[in-house]
PDB file of N, CA and C in Angstrom:
ATOM      1  N   MET A   1     121.119  82.492  30.134  1.00  0.00           N
ATOM      2  CA  MET A   1     119.757  81.929  30.103  1.00  0.00           C
ATOM      3  C   MET A   1     119.189  82.237  31.429  1.00  0.00           C
ATOM      4  N   VAL A   2     119.765  82.301  32.553  1.00  0.00           N
ATOM      5  CA  VAL A   2     119.333  82.729  33.879  1.00  0.00           C
ATOM      6  C   VAL A   2     118.795  84.030  33.848  1.00  0.00           C
ATOM      7  N   GLU A   3     119.471  85.091  33.177  1.00  0.00           N
ATOM      8  CA  GLU A   3     118.949  86.385  33.121  1.00  0.00           C
ATOM      9  C   GLU A   3     117.630  86.487  32.422  1.00  0.00           C
ATOM     10  N   LEU A   4     117.687  85.723  31.242  1.00  0.00           N
ATOM     11  CA  LEU A   4     116.513  85.670  30.451  1.00  0.00           C
ATOM     12  C   LEU A   4     115.287  85.064  31.072  1.00  0.00           C
ATOM     13  N   ALA A   5     115.649  84.038  31.909  1.00  0.00           N
ATOM     14  CA  ALA A   5     114.451  83.405  32.572  1.00  0.00           C
ATOM     15  C   ALA A   5     113.928  84.308  33.743  1.00  0.00           C
ATOM     16  N   GLY A   6     114.764  85.111  34.265  1.00  0.00           N
ATOM     17  CA  GLY A   6     114.291  86.248  35.133  1.00  0.00           C
ATOM     18  C   GLY A   6     113.404  87.231  34.645  1.00  0.00           C
ATOM     19  N   ILE A   7     113.637  87.507  33.293  1.00  0.00           N
ATOM     20  CA  ILE A   7     112.836  88.534  32.676  1.00  0.00           C
ATOM     21  C   ILE A   7     111.561  87.830  32.064  1.00  0.00           C
ATOM     22  N   ASP A   8     111.602  86.775  31.444  1.00  0.00           N
ATOM     23  CA  ASP A   8     110.443  86.151  30.791  1.00  0.00           C
ATOM     24  C   ASP A   8     110.563  84.644  30.819  1.00  0.00           C
ATOM     25  N   GLN A   9     109.825  83.943  31.519  1.00  0.00           N
ATOM     26  CA  GLN A   9     109.841  82.482  31.637  1.00  0.00           C
ATOM     27  C   GLN A   9     109.543  81.790  30.323  1.00  0.00           C
ATOM     28  N   ASP A  10     108.437  82.339  29.648  1.00  0.00           N
ATOM     29  CA  ASP A  10     108.027  81.719  28.461  1.00  0.00           C
ATOM     30  C   ASP A  10     109.088  81.823  27.334  1.00  0.00           C
ATOM     31  N   VAL A  11     109.734  82.890  27.322  1.00  0.00           N
ATOM     32  CA  VAL A  11     110.839  83.079  26.261  1.00  0.00           C
ATOM     33  C   VAL A  11     111.880  82.098  26.554  1.00  0.00           C
ATOM     34  N   ALA A  12     112.392  82.038  27.828  1.00  0.00           N
ATOM     35  CA  ALA A  12     113.424  81.190  28.199  1.00  0.00           C
ATOM     36  C   ALA A  12     113.056  79.641  27.875  1.00  0.00           C
ATOM     37  N   LYS A  13     111.798  79.275  28.117  1.00  0.00           N
ATOM     38  CA  LYS A  13     111.298  77.855  27.784  1.00  0.00           C
ATOM     39  C   LYS A  13     111.413  77.687  26.264  1.00  0.00           C
ATOM     40  N   TRP A  14     111.060  78.778  25.433  1.00  0.00           N
ATOM     41  CA  TRP A  14     111.052  78.627  23.995  1.00  0.00           C
ATOM     42  C   TRP A  14     112.525  78.471  23.479  1.00  0.00           C
ATOM     43  N   PHE A  15     113.445  79.183  24.103  1.00  0.00           N
ATOM     44  CA  PHE A  15     114.911  79.041  23.688  1.00  0.00           C
ATOM     45  C   PHE A  15     115.539  77.647  24.051  1.00  0.00           C
ATOM     46  N   HIS A  16     114.995  77.182  25.210  1.00  0.00           N
ATOM     47  CA  HIS A  16     115.498  75.848  25.850  1.00  0.00           C
ATOM     48  C   HIS A  16     115.054  74.759  24.856  1.00  0.00           C
ATOM     49  N   ASP A  17     113.856  74.793  24.304  1.00  0.00           N
ATOM     50  CA  ASP A  17     113.333  73.748  23.363  1.00  0.00           C
ATOM     51  C   ASP A  17     114.037  73.684  22.063  1.00  0.00           C
ATOM     52  N   LYS A  18     114.755  74.710  21.601  1.00  0.00           N
ATOM     53  CA  LYS A  18     115.370  74.842  20.301  1.00  0.00           C
ATOM     54  C   LYS A  18     116.910  74.493  20.496  1.00  0.00           C
ATOM     55  N   PRO A  19     117.525  73.859  19.506  1.00  0.00           N
ATOM     56  CA  PRO A  19     118.938  73.671  19.443  1.00  0.00           C
ATOM     57  C   PRO A  19     119.606  74.965  19.409  1.00  0.00           C
ATOM     58  N   PRO A  20     120.761  75.262  19.939  1.00  0.00           N
ATOM     59  CA  PRO A  20     121.479  76.481  19.992  1.00  0.00           C
ATOM     60  C   PRO A  20     121.906  76.988  18.493  1.00  0.00           C
ATOM     61  N   ALA A  21     122.098  76.061  17.623  1.00  0.00           N
ATOM     62  CA  ALA A  21     122.491  76.343  16.289  1.00  0.00           C
ATOM     63  C   ALA A  21     121.318  77.232  15.572  1.00  0.00           C
ATOM     64  N   GLU A  22     120.063  77.240  16.042  1.00  0.00           N
ATOM     65  CA  GLU A  22     119.054  77.909  15.451  1.00  0.00           C
ATOM     66  C   GLU A  22     118.813  79.229  15.940  1.00  0.00           C
ATOM     67  N   TRP A  23     119.403  79.563  17.229  1.00  0.00           N
ATOM     68  CA  TRP A  23     119.233  80.886  17.695  1.00  0.00           C
ATOM     69  C   TRP A  23     120.453  81.597  18.319  1.00  0.00           C
ATOM     70  N   SER A  24     121.609  80.958  18.341  1.00  0.00           N
ATOM     71  CA  SER A  24     122.738  81.422  18.919  1.00  0.00           C
ATOM     72  C   SER A  24     123.846  81.638  17.796  1.00  0.00           C
ATOM     73  N   ARG A  25     124.400  82.838  17.591  1.00  0.00           N
ATOM     74  CA  ARG A  25     125.341  83.063  16.476  1.00  0.00           C
ATOM     75  C   ARG A  25     126.626  82.274  16.769  1.00  0.00           C
ATOM     76  N   ALA A  26     126.949  82.001  18.021  1.00  0.00           N
ATOM     77  CA  ALA A  26     128.148  81.178  18.306  1.00  0.00           C
ATOM     78  C   ALA A  26     128.091  79.740  17.792  1.00  0.00           C
ATOM     79  N   PHE A  27     126.891  79.203  17.627  1.00  0.00           N
ATOM     80  CA  PHE A  27     126.681  77.795  17.031  1.00  0.00           C
ATOM     81  C   PHE A  27     126.368  77.811  15.539  1.00  0.00           C
ATOM     82  N   PHE A  28     126.239  78.820  14.884  1.00  0.00           N
ATOM     83  CA  PHE A  28     126.053  78.887  13.501  1.00  0.00           C
ATOM     84  C   PHE A  28     127.167  78.154  12.678  1.00  0.00           C
ATOM     85  N   SER A  29     126.861  77.494  11.720  1.00  0.00           N
ATOM     86  CA  SER A  29     127.740  76.913  10.824  1.00  0.00           C
ATOM     87  C   SER A  29     128.605  77.888  10.160  1.00  0.00           C
ATOM     88  N   THR A  30     129.841  77.654   9.990  1.00  0.00           N
ATOM     89  CA  THR A  30     130.724  78.661   9.316  1.00  0.00           C
ATOM     90  C   THR A  30     130.960  78.242   7.872  1.00  0.00           C
ATOM     91  N   VAL A  31     130.385  77.156   7.471  1.00  0.00           N
ATOM     92  CA  VAL A  31     130.356  76.679   6.074  1.00  0.00           C
ATOM     93  C   VAL A  31     129.297  77.272   5.281  1.00  0.00           C
ATOM     94  N   PRO A  32     129.519  78.155   4.285  1.00  0.00           N
ATOM     95  CA  PRO A  32     128.604  78.775   3.435  1.00  0.00           C
ATOM     96  C   PRO A  32     127.770  77.585   2.554  1.00  0.00           C
ATOM     97  N   LYS A  33     126.544  77.848   2.352  1.00  0.00           N
ATOM     98  CA  LYS A  33     125.806  76.860   1.614  1.00  0.00           C
ATOM     99  C   LYS A  33     125.741  77.310   0.216  1.00  0.00           C
ATOM    100  N   CYS A  34     125.431  78.636  -0.096  1.00  0.00           N
ATOM    101  CA  CYS A  34     125.251  79.166  -1.371  1.00  0.00           C
ATOM    102  C   CYS A  34     125.582  80.653  -1.366  1.00  0.00           C
ATOM    103  N   ASP A  35     126.591  81.064  -0.554  1.00  0.00           N
ATOM    104  CA  ASP A  35     126.915  82.542  -0.447  1.00  0.00           C
ATOM    105  C   ASP A  35     127.185  83.174  -1.801  1.00  0.00           C
ATOM    106  N   THR A  36     128.053  82.452  -2.614  1.00  0.00           N
ATOM    107  CA  THR A  36     128.411  83.117  -3.881  1.00  0.00           C
ATOM    108  C   THR A  36     127.217  83.431  -4.817  1.00  0.00           C
ATOM    109  N   LEU A  37     126.295  82.513  -4.962  1.00  0.00           N
ATOM    110  CA  LEU A  37     125.144  82.862  -5.731  1.00  0.00           C
ATOM    111  C   LEU A  37     124.295  83.977  -5.274  1.00  0.00           C
ATOM    112  N   LEU A  38     124.027  83.902  -3.896  1.00  0.00           N
ATOM    113  CA  LEU A  38     123.265  84.835  -3.299  1.00  0.00           C
ATOM    114  C   LEU A  38     123.965  86.192  -3.240  1.00  0.00           C
ATOM    115  N   ASP A  39     125.289  86.234  -2.961  1.00  0.00           N
ATOM    116  CA  ASP A  39     125.978  87.456  -3.019  1.00  0.00           C
ATOM    117  C   ASP A  39     125.914  88.153  -4.266  1.00  0.00           C
ATOM    118  N   ASN A  40     126.148  87.344  -5.513  1.00  0.00           N
ATOM    119  CA  ASN A  40     126.252  87.894  -6.798  1.00  0.00           C
ATOM    120  C   ASN A  40     124.807  88.426  -7.169  1.00  0.00           C
ATOM    121  N   LEU A  41     123.879  87.765  -6.764  1.00  0.00           N
ATOM    122  CA  LEU A  41     122.462  88.269  -7.022  1.00  0.00           C
ATOM    123  C   LEU A  41     122.135  89.496  -6.354  1.00  0.00           C
ATOM    124  N   CYS A  42     122.568  89.552  -5.107  1.00  0.00           N
ATOM    125  CA  CYS A  42     122.351  90.918  -4.322  1.00  0.00           C
ATOM    126  C   CYS A  42     123.179  92.008  -4.789  1.00  0.00           C
ATOM    127  N   GLU A  43     124.366  91.716  -5.234  1.00  0.00           N
ATOM    128  CA  GLU A  43     125.232  92.899  -5.733  1.00  0.00           C
ATOM    129  C   GLU A  43     124.673  93.345  -7.035  1.00  0.00           C
ATOM    130  N   ASN A  44     124.251  92.362  -7.844  1.00  0.00           N
ATOM    131  CA  ASN A  44     123.648  92.795  -9.219  1.00  0.00           C
ATOM    132  C   ASN A  44     122.363  93.649  -9.005  1.00  0.00           C
ATOM    133  N   PHE A  45     121.430  93.051  -8.063  1.00  0.00           N
ATOM    134  CA  PHE A  45     120.270  93.890  -7.858  1.00  0.00           C
ATOM    135  C   PHE A  45     120.422  95.234  -7.208  1.00  0.00           C
ATOM    136  N   ASN A  46     121.465  95.300  -6.332  1.00  0.00           N
ATOM    137  CA  ASN A  46     121.844  96.578  -5.605  1.00  0.00           C
ATOM    138  C   ASN A  46     122.470  97.530  -6.695  1.00  0.00           C
ATOM    139  N   SER A  47     123.216  97.075  -7.567  1.00  0.00           N
ATOM    140  CA  SER A  47     123.746  97.943  -8.656  1.00  0.00           C
ATOM    141  C   SER A  47     122.711  98.596  -9.451  1.00  0.00           C
ATOM    142  N   LYS A  48     121.659  97.788  -9.756  1.00  0.00           N
ATOM    143  CA  LYS A  48     120.622  98.347 -10.557  1.00  0.00           C
ATOM    144  C   LYS A  48     119.702  99.331 -10.017  1.00  0.00           C
ATOM    145  N   ILE A  49     119.518  99.124  -8.610  1.00  0.00           N
ATOM    146  CA  ILE A  49     118.673  99.963  -7.970  1.00  0.00           C
ATOM    147  C   ILE A  49     119.373 101.273  -7.176  1.00  0.00           C
ATOM    148  N   LEU A  50     120.593 101.439  -7.492  1.00  0.00           N
ATOM    149  CA  LEU A  50     121.466 102.504  -6.873  1.00  0.00           C
ATOM    150  C   LEU A  50     120.823 103.807  -7.170  1.00  0.00           C
ATOM    151  N   ALA A  51     120.183 104.109  -8.208  1.00  0.00           N
ATOM    152  CA  ALA A  51     119.565 105.351  -8.477  1.00  0.00           C
ATOM    153  C   ALA A  51     118.329 105.544  -7.630  1.00  0.00           C
ATOM    154  N   ALA A  52     117.549 104.440  -7.482  1.00  0.00           N
ATOM    155  CA  ALA A  52     116.333 104.485  -6.685  1.00  0.00           C
ATOM    156  C   ALA A  52     116.600 104.695  -5.309  1.00  0.00           C
ATOM    157  N   LYS A  53     117.772 104.357  -4.718  1.00  0.00           N
ATOM    158  CA  LYS A  53     118.014 104.489  -3.182  1.00  0.00           C
ATOM    159  C   LYS A  53     117.959 105.989  -2.812  1.00  0.00           C
ATOM    160  N   GLU A  54     118.098 106.899  -3.674  1.00  0.00           N
ATOM    161  CA  GLU A  54     117.999 108.349  -3.353  1.00  0.00           C
ATOM    162  C   GLU A  54     116.720 108.873  -3.159  1.00  0.00           C
ATOM    163  N   LEU A  55     115.704 108.079  -3.727  1.00  0.00           N
ATOM    164  CA  LEU A  55     114.304 108.551  -3.829  1.00  0.00           C
ATOM    165  C   LEU A  55     113.634 108.179  -2.353  1.00  0.00           C
ATOM    166  N   GLY A  56     112.437 108.704  -2.296  1.00  0.00           N
ATOM    167  CA  GLY A  56     111.630 108.472  -1.048  1.00  0.00           C
ATOM    168  C   GLY A  56     111.098 106.997  -1.166  1.00  0.00           C
ATOM    169  N   ILE A  57     110.710 106.431  -0.146  1.00  0.00           N
ATOM    170  CA  ILE A  57     110.198 105.068  -0.084  1.00  0.00           C
ATOM    171  C   ILE A  57     109.102 104.653  -1.096  1.00  0.00           C
ATOM    172  N   VAL A  58     107.987 105.511  -1.221  1.00  0.00           N
ATOM    173  CA  VAL A  58     106.977 105.192  -2.281  1.00  0.00           C
ATOM    174  C   VAL A  58     107.566 105.336  -3.710  1.00  0.00           C
ATOM    175  N   SER A  59     108.406 106.435  -3.893  1.00  0.00           N
ATOM    176  CA  SER A  59     108.934 106.517  -5.246  1.00  0.00           C
ATOM    177  C   SER A  59     109.885 105.448  -5.645  1.00  0.00           C
ATOM    178  N   MET A  60     110.630 104.968  -4.457  1.00  0.00           N
ATOM    179  CA  MET A  60     111.659 103.862  -4.772  1.00  0.00           C
ATOM    180  C   MET A  60     110.924 102.521  -5.099  1.00  0.00           C
ATOM    181  N   VAL A  61     109.752 102.251  -4.340  1.00  0.00           N
ATOM    182  CA  VAL A  61     109.031 101.044  -4.533  1.00  0.00           C
ATOM    183  C   VAL A  61     108.396 101.090  -6.008  1.00  0.00           C
ATOM    184  N   LYS A  62     107.895 102.228  -6.366  1.00  0.00           N
ATOM    185  CA  LYS A  62     107.367 102.414  -7.772  1.00  0.00           C
ATOM    186  C   LYS A  62     108.482 102.187  -8.804  1.00  0.00           C
ATOM    187  N   TRP A  63     109.650 102.692  -8.526  1.00  0.00           N
ATOM    188  CA  TRP A  63     110.759 102.675  -9.468  1.00  0.00           C
ATOM    189  C   TRP A  63     111.164 101.101  -9.655  1.00  0.00           C
ATOM    190  N   GLN A  64     111.224 100.392  -8.442  1.00  0.00           N
ATOM    191  CA  GLN A  64     111.663  99.008  -8.479  1.00  0.00           C
ATOM    192  C   GLN A  64     110.554  98.206  -9.194  1.00  0.00           C
ATOM    193  N   ARG A  65     109.252  98.515  -9.123  1.00  0.00           N
ATOM    194  CA  ARG A  65     108.333  97.862  -9.661  1.00  0.00           C
ATOM    195  C   ARG A  65     108.380  98.048 -11.175  1.00  0.00           C
ATOM    196  N   LEU A  66     108.584  99.220 -11.650  1.00  0.00           N
ATOM    197  CA  LEU A  66     108.752  99.413 -13.098  1.00  0.00           C
ATOM    198  C   LEU A  66     109.981  98.817 -13.568  1.00  0.00           C
ATOM    199  N   TYR A  67     111.012  98.733 -12.858  1.00  0.00           N
ATOM    200  CA  TYR A  67     112.236  98.201 -13.411  1.00  0.00           C
ATOM    201  C   TYR A  67     112.120  96.647 -13.589  1.00  0.00           C
ATOM    202  N   LEU A  68     111.373  95.945 -12.486  1.00  0.00           N
ATOM    203  CA  LEU A  68     111.198  94.514 -12.591  1.00  0.00           C
ATOM    204  C   LEU A  68     110.227  94.257 -13.752  1.00  0.00           C
ATOM    205  N   LEU A  69     109.189  95.117 -13.948  1.00  0.00           N
ATOM    206  CA  LEU A  69     108.334  94.853 -15.064  1.00  0.00           C
ATOM    207  C   LEU A  69     109.114  95.010 -16.442  1.00  0.00           C
ATOM    208  N   ASN A  70     109.877  96.010 -16.594  1.00  0.00           N
ATOM    209  CA  ASN A  70     110.580  96.176 -17.769  1.00  0.00           C
ATOM    210  C   ASN A  70     111.534  94.973 -18.053  1.00  0.00           C
ATOM    211  N   THR A  71     112.175  94.545 -16.943  1.00  0.00           N
ATOM    212  CA  THR A  71     113.073  93.345 -17.153  1.00  0.00           C
ATOM    213  C   THR A  71     112.299  92.113 -17.422  1.00  0.00           C
ATOM    214  N   TYR A  72     111.122  91.929 -16.983  1.00  0.00           N
ATOM    215  CA  TYR A  72     110.366  90.760 -17.346  1.00  0.00           C
ATOM    216  C   TYR A  72     109.891  90.881 -18.700  1.00  0.00           C
ATOM    217  N   LEU A  73     109.512  92.025 -19.106  1.00  0.00           N
ATOM    218  CA  LEU A  73     108.940  92.103 -20.468  1.00  0.00           C
ATOM    219  C   LEU A  73     110.214  92.004 -21.513  1.00  0.00           C
ATOM    220  N   ALA A  74     111.326  92.443 -21.126  1.00  0.00           N
ATOM    221  CA  ALA A  74     112.519  92.332 -21.959  1.00  0.00           C
ATOM    222  C   ALA A  74     112.908  90.860 -22.169  1.00  0.00           C
ATOM    223  N   CYS A  75     112.688  90.076 -21.093  1.00  0.00           N
ATOM    224  CA  CYS A  75     113.092  88.671 -21.185  1.00  0.00           C
ATOM    225  C   CYS A  75     112.132  87.847 -22.020  1.00  0.00           C
ATOM    226  N   TYR A  76     110.812  88.171 -21.786  1.00  0.00           N
ATOM    227  CA  TYR A  76     109.862  87.229 -22.297  1.00  0.00           C
ATOM    228  C   TYR A  76     109.129  87.911 -23.601  1.00  0.00           C
ATOM    229  N   SER A  77     109.615  89.030 -24.140  1.00  0.00           N
ATOM    230  CA  SER A  77     108.899  89.531 -25.297  1.00  0.00           C
ATOM    231  C   SER A  77     109.261  88.876 -26.604  1.00  0.00           C
ATOM    232  N   PRO A  78     110.358  88.190 -26.820  1.00  0.00           N
ATOM    233  CA  PRO A  78     110.600  87.609 -28.185  1.00  0.00           C
ATOM    234  C   PRO A  78     109.922  86.248 -28.110  1.00  0.00           C
ATOM    235  N   THR A  79     108.655  86.203 -28.383  1.00  0.00           N
ATOM    236  CA  THR A  79     108.003  84.854 -28.496  1.00  0.00           C
ATOM    237  C   THR A  79     108.028  84.275 -29.812  1.00  0.00           C
ATOM    238  N   ILE A  80     108.051  82.987 -29.803  1.00  0.00           N
ATOM    239  CA  ILE A  80     108.110  82.211 -31.081  1.00  0.00           C
ATOM    240  C   ILE A  80     106.706  81.661 -31.216  1.00  0.00           C
ATOM    241  N   HIS A  81     105.963  82.011 -32.155  1.00  0.00           N
ATOM    242  CA  HIS A  81     104.676  81.637 -32.487  1.00  0.00           C
ATOM    243  C   HIS A  81     104.688  80.422 -33.379  1.00  0.00           C
ATOM    244  N   PRO A  82     103.882  79.302 -33.148  1.00  0.00           N
ATOM    245  CA  PRO A  82     103.836  78.104 -33.855  1.00  0.00           C
ATOM    246  C   PRO A  82     103.319  78.298 -35.307  1.00  0.00           C
ATOM    247  N   ILE A  83     103.815  77.510 -36.273  1.00  0.00           N
ATOM    248  CA  ILE A  83     103.359  77.577 -37.590  1.00  0.00           C
ATOM    249  C   ILE A  83     102.684  76.265 -37.892  1.00  0.00           C
ATOM    250  N   SER A  84     101.426  76.239 -38.242  1.00  0.00           N
ATOM    251  CA  SER A  84     100.650  75.052 -38.544  1.00  0.00           C
ATOM    252  C   SER A  84     100.981  74.217 -39.727  1.00  0.00           C
ATOM    253  N   VAL A  85     101.538  74.838 -40.811  1.00  0.00           N
ATOM    254  CA  VAL A  85     101.812  74.125 -41.961  1.00  0.00           C
ATOM    255  C   VAL A  85     103.244  74.457 -42.432  1.00  0.00           C
ATOM    256  N   GLN A  86     103.820  73.750 -43.383  1.00  0.00           N
ATOM    257  CA  GLN A  86     105.102  73.937 -43.781  1.00  0.00           C
ATOM    258  C   GLN A  86     105.342  75.037 -44.885  1.00  0.00           C
ATOM    259  N   ILE A  87     104.223  75.335 -45.487  1.00  0.00           N
ATOM    260  CA  ILE A  87     104.372  76.304 -46.637  1.00  0.00           C
ATOM    261  C   ILE A  87     105.105  77.509 -46.275  1.00  0.00           C
ATOM    262  N   PRO A  88     104.825  78.310 -45.296  1.00  0.00           N
ATOM    263  CA  PRO A  88     105.654  79.401 -45.085  1.00  0.00           C
ATOM    264  C   PRO A  88     107.038  79.308 -44.479  1.00  0.00           C
ATOM    265  N   TRP A  89     107.556  78.101 -44.466  1.00  0.00           N
ATOM    266  CA  TRP A  89     108.850  77.816 -43.860  1.00  0.00           C
ATOM    267  C   TRP A  89     109.904  78.258 -44.936  1.00  0.00           C
ATOM    268  N   VAL A  90     110.989  78.945 -44.476  1.00  0.00           N
ATOM    269  CA  VAL A  90     111.995  79.490 -45.244  1.00  0.00           C
ATOM    270  C   VAL A  90     113.057  78.361 -45.605  1.00  0.00           C
ATOM    271  N   ASP A  91     113.398  78.148 -46.807  1.00  0.00           N
ATOM    272  CA  ASP A  91     114.312  77.113 -47.233  1.00  0.00           C
ATOM    273  C   ASP A  91     115.720  77.712 -46.894  1.00  0.00           C
ATOM    274  N   THR A  92     116.566  76.924 -46.082  1.00  0.00           N
ATOM    275  CA  THR A  92     117.850  77.431 -45.586  1.00  0.00           C
ATOM    276  C   THR A  92     118.942  76.819 -46.401  1.00  0.00           C
ATOM    277  N   LYS A  93     118.703  75.881 -47.349  1.00  0.00           N
ATOM    278  CA  LYS A  93     119.707  75.235 -48.050  1.00  0.00           C
ATOM    279  C   LYS A  93     120.774  74.545 -47.241  1.00  0.00           C
ATOM    280  N   LYS A  94     120.237  74.177 -46.015  1.00  0.00           N
ATOM    281  CA  LYS A  94     121.289  73.417 -45.171  1.00  0.00           C
ATOM    282  C   LYS A  94     120.667  71.896 -45.000  1.00  0.00           C
ATOM    283  N   LEU A  95     121.509  70.969 -44.595  1.00  0.00           N
ATOM    284  CA  LEU A  95     120.993  69.645 -44.361  1.00  0.00           C
ATOM    285  C   LEU A  95     119.941  69.596 -43.379  1.00  0.00           C
ATOM    286  N   ALA A  96     118.966  68.698 -43.584  1.00  0.00           N
ATOM    287  CA  ALA A  96     117.858  68.401 -42.717  1.00  0.00           C
ATOM    288  C   ALA A  96     118.394  67.732 -41.421  1.00  0.00           C
ATOM    289  N   PRO A  97     117.804  67.898 -40.328  1.00  0.00           N
ATOM    290  CA  PRO A  97     118.301  67.321 -39.058  1.00  0.00           C
ATOM    291  C   PRO A  97     118.002  65.865 -39.058  1.00  0.00           C
ATOM    292  N   LEU A  98     118.800  65.176 -38.600  1.00  0.00           N
ATOM    293  CA  LEU A  98     118.722  63.622 -38.446  1.00  0.00           C
ATOM    294  C   LEU A  98     117.739  63.260 -37.329  1.00  0.00           C
ATOM    295  N   PRO A  99     117.045  62.220 -37.449  1.00  0.00           N
ATOM    296  CA  PRO A  99     116.355  61.690 -36.303  1.00  0.00           C
ATOM    297  C   PRO A  99     117.236  61.188 -35.112  1.00  0.00           C
ATOM    298  N   PRO A 100     116.738  61.183 -33.962  1.00  0.00           N
ATOM    299  CA  PRO A 100     117.619  60.807 -32.701  1.00  0.00           C
ATOM    300  C   PRO A 100     118.046  59.396 -32.980  1.00  0.00           C
ATOM    301  N   ASN A 101     119.168  59.057 -32.374  1.00  0.00           N
ATOM    302  CA  ASN A 101     119.870  57.774 -32.515  1.00  0.00           C
ATOM    303  C   ASN A 101     119.221  56.870 -31.344  1.00  0.00           C
ATOM    304  N   TYR A 102     118.296  55.944 -31.532  1.00  0.00           N
ATOM    305  CA  TYR A 102     117.754  55.164 -30.675  1.00  0.00           C
ATOM    306  C   TYR A 102     118.674  53.882 -30.589  1.00  0.00           C
ATOM    307  N   GLY A 103     119.237  53.707 -29.403  1.00  0.00           N
ATOM    308  CA  GLY A 103     120.048  52.714 -29.105  1.00  0.00           C
ATOM    309  C   GLY A 103     119.738  52.050 -27.839  1.00  0.00           C
ATOM    310  N   ARG A 104     120.515  51.120 -27.350  1.00  0.00           N
ATOM    311  CA  ARG A 104     120.236  50.561 -26.106  1.00  0.00           C
ATOM    312  C   ARG A 104     120.412  51.554 -24.977  1.00  0.00           C
ATOM    313  N   PRO A 105     119.458  51.744 -24.193  1.00  0.00           N
ATOM    314  CA  PRO A 105     119.651  52.676 -23.108  1.00  0.00           C
ATOM    315  C   PRO A 105     120.569  52.269 -21.987  1.00  0.00           C
ATOM    316  N   ALA A 106     121.109  53.141 -21.458  1.00  0.00           N
ATOM    317  CA  ALA A 106     122.011  52.977 -20.260  1.00  0.00           C
ATOM    318  C   ALA A 106     121.300  52.348 -19.034  1.00  0.00           C
ATOM    319  N   GLY A 107     122.002  51.603 -18.340  1.00  0.00           N
ATOM    320  CA  GLY A 107     121.468  51.185 -17.112  1.00  0.00           C
ATOM    321  C   GLY A 107     121.816  49.720 -16.775  1.00  0.00           C
ATOM    322  N   ARG A 108     121.151  49.201 -15.828  1.00  0.00           N
ATOM    323  CA  ARG A 108     121.484  47.841 -15.480  1.00  0.00           C
ATOM    324  C   ARG A 108     120.985  46.821 -16.448  1.00  0.00           C
ATOM    325  N   PRO A 109     121.696  45.852 -16.745  1.00  0.00           N
ATOM    326  CA  PRO A 109     121.148  44.831 -17.807  1.00  0.00           C
ATOM    327  C   PRO A 109     120.126  43.913 -17.147  1.00  0.00           C
ATOM    328  N   LYS A 110     119.308  43.375 -18.096  1.00  0.00           N
ATOM    329  CA  LYS A 110     118.219  42.573 -17.591  1.00  0.00           C
ATOM    330  C   LYS A 110     118.592  41.473 -16.796  1.00  0.00           C
ATOM    331  N   LYS A 111     117.951  40.964 -15.845  1.00  0.00           N
ATOM    332  CA  LYS A 111     118.272  39.852 -14.941  1.00  0.00           C
ATOM    333  C   LYS A 111     118.114  38.434 -15.603  1.00  0.00           C
ATOM    334  N   ARG A 112     117.050  38.277 -16.362  1.00  0.00           N
ATOM    335  CA  ARG A 112     116.969  36.962 -17.010  1.00  0.00           C
ATOM    336  C   ARG A 112     117.615  36.855 -18.378  1.00  0.00           C
ATOM    337  N   ARG A 113     117.950  35.702 -18.706  1.00  0.00           N
ATOM    338  CA  ARG A 113     118.724  35.602 -19.862  1.00  0.00           C
ATOM    339  C   ARG A 113     117.712  35.606 -21.067  1.00  0.00           C
ATOM    340  N   ARG A 114     118.115  36.057 -22.238  1.00  0.00           N
ATOM    341  CA  ARG A 114     117.251  36.102 -23.382  1.00  0.00           C
ATOM    342  C   ARG A 114     117.161  34.654 -24.001  1.00  0.00           C
ATOM    343  N   LYS A 115     115.881  34.332 -24.222  1.00  0.00           N
ATOM    344  CA  LYS A 115     115.756  32.989 -24.714  1.00  0.00           C
ATOM    345  C   LYS A 115     115.620  33.037 -26.297  1.00  0.00           C
ATOM    346  N   SER A 116     116.189  31.917 -26.919  1.00  0.00           N
ATOM    347  CA  SER A 116     116.164  31.918 -28.375  1.00  0.00           C
ATOM    348  C   SER A 116     114.849  31.727 -28.896  1.00  0.00           C
ATOM    349  N   ALA A 117     114.515  31.816 -30.077  1.00  0.00           N
ATOM    350  CA  ALA A 117     113.263  31.547 -30.705  1.00  0.00           C
ATOM    351  C   ALA A 117     112.683  30.215 -30.465  1.00  0.00           C
ATOM    352  N   ASP A 118     113.436  29.253 -30.559  1.00  0.00           N
ATOM    353  CA  ASP A 118     112.956  27.716 -30.432  1.00  0.00           C
ATOM    354  C   ASP A 118     112.738  27.423 -28.989  1.00  0.00           C
ATOM    355  N   GLU A 119     113.156  28.173 -27.913  1.00  0.00           N
ATOM    356  CA  GLU A 119     112.858  28.050 -26.528  1.00  0.00           C
ATOM    357  C   GLU A 119     111.494  28.684 -26.159  1.00  0.00           C
ATOM    358  N   ILE A 120     111.092  29.692 -26.787  1.00  0.00           N
ATOM    359  CA  ILE A 120     109.844  30.353 -26.436  1.00  0.00           C
ATOM    360  C   ILE A 120     108.740  29.517 -26.812  1.00  0.00           C
ATOM    361  N   GLN A 121     107.731  29.422 -25.994  1.00  0.00           N
ATOM    362  CA  GLN A 121     106.584  28.554 -26.106  1.00  0.00           C
ATOM    363  C   GLN A 121     105.278  29.325 -26.334  1.00  0.00           C
TER     364      GLN A 121
END
């Protein structure tokens, strides 16, 4: 820090105001937060753009843009359009679905006791 202060006083002050864990690799946490997910996403993306890495920068960006557009269209192309009436529905010969089972919801019980019908005024 003394050498840094000798080069630039403002930079040394900026580093002094921050905790070392934010700027010094020696103080970084060694516990990963989500490396597995990030690593898998990066490896997957890198495997897809392997062919584009050989291209020039402009061609590579165009290729990536086209790849991402095609991926988006492939994911969201099978849309389900609503049907306003039941006439065009296909009969599947299967049992109709049952309504949801409405029961007592989970959670903390009520604090006040329940009054009987003759106690209510």
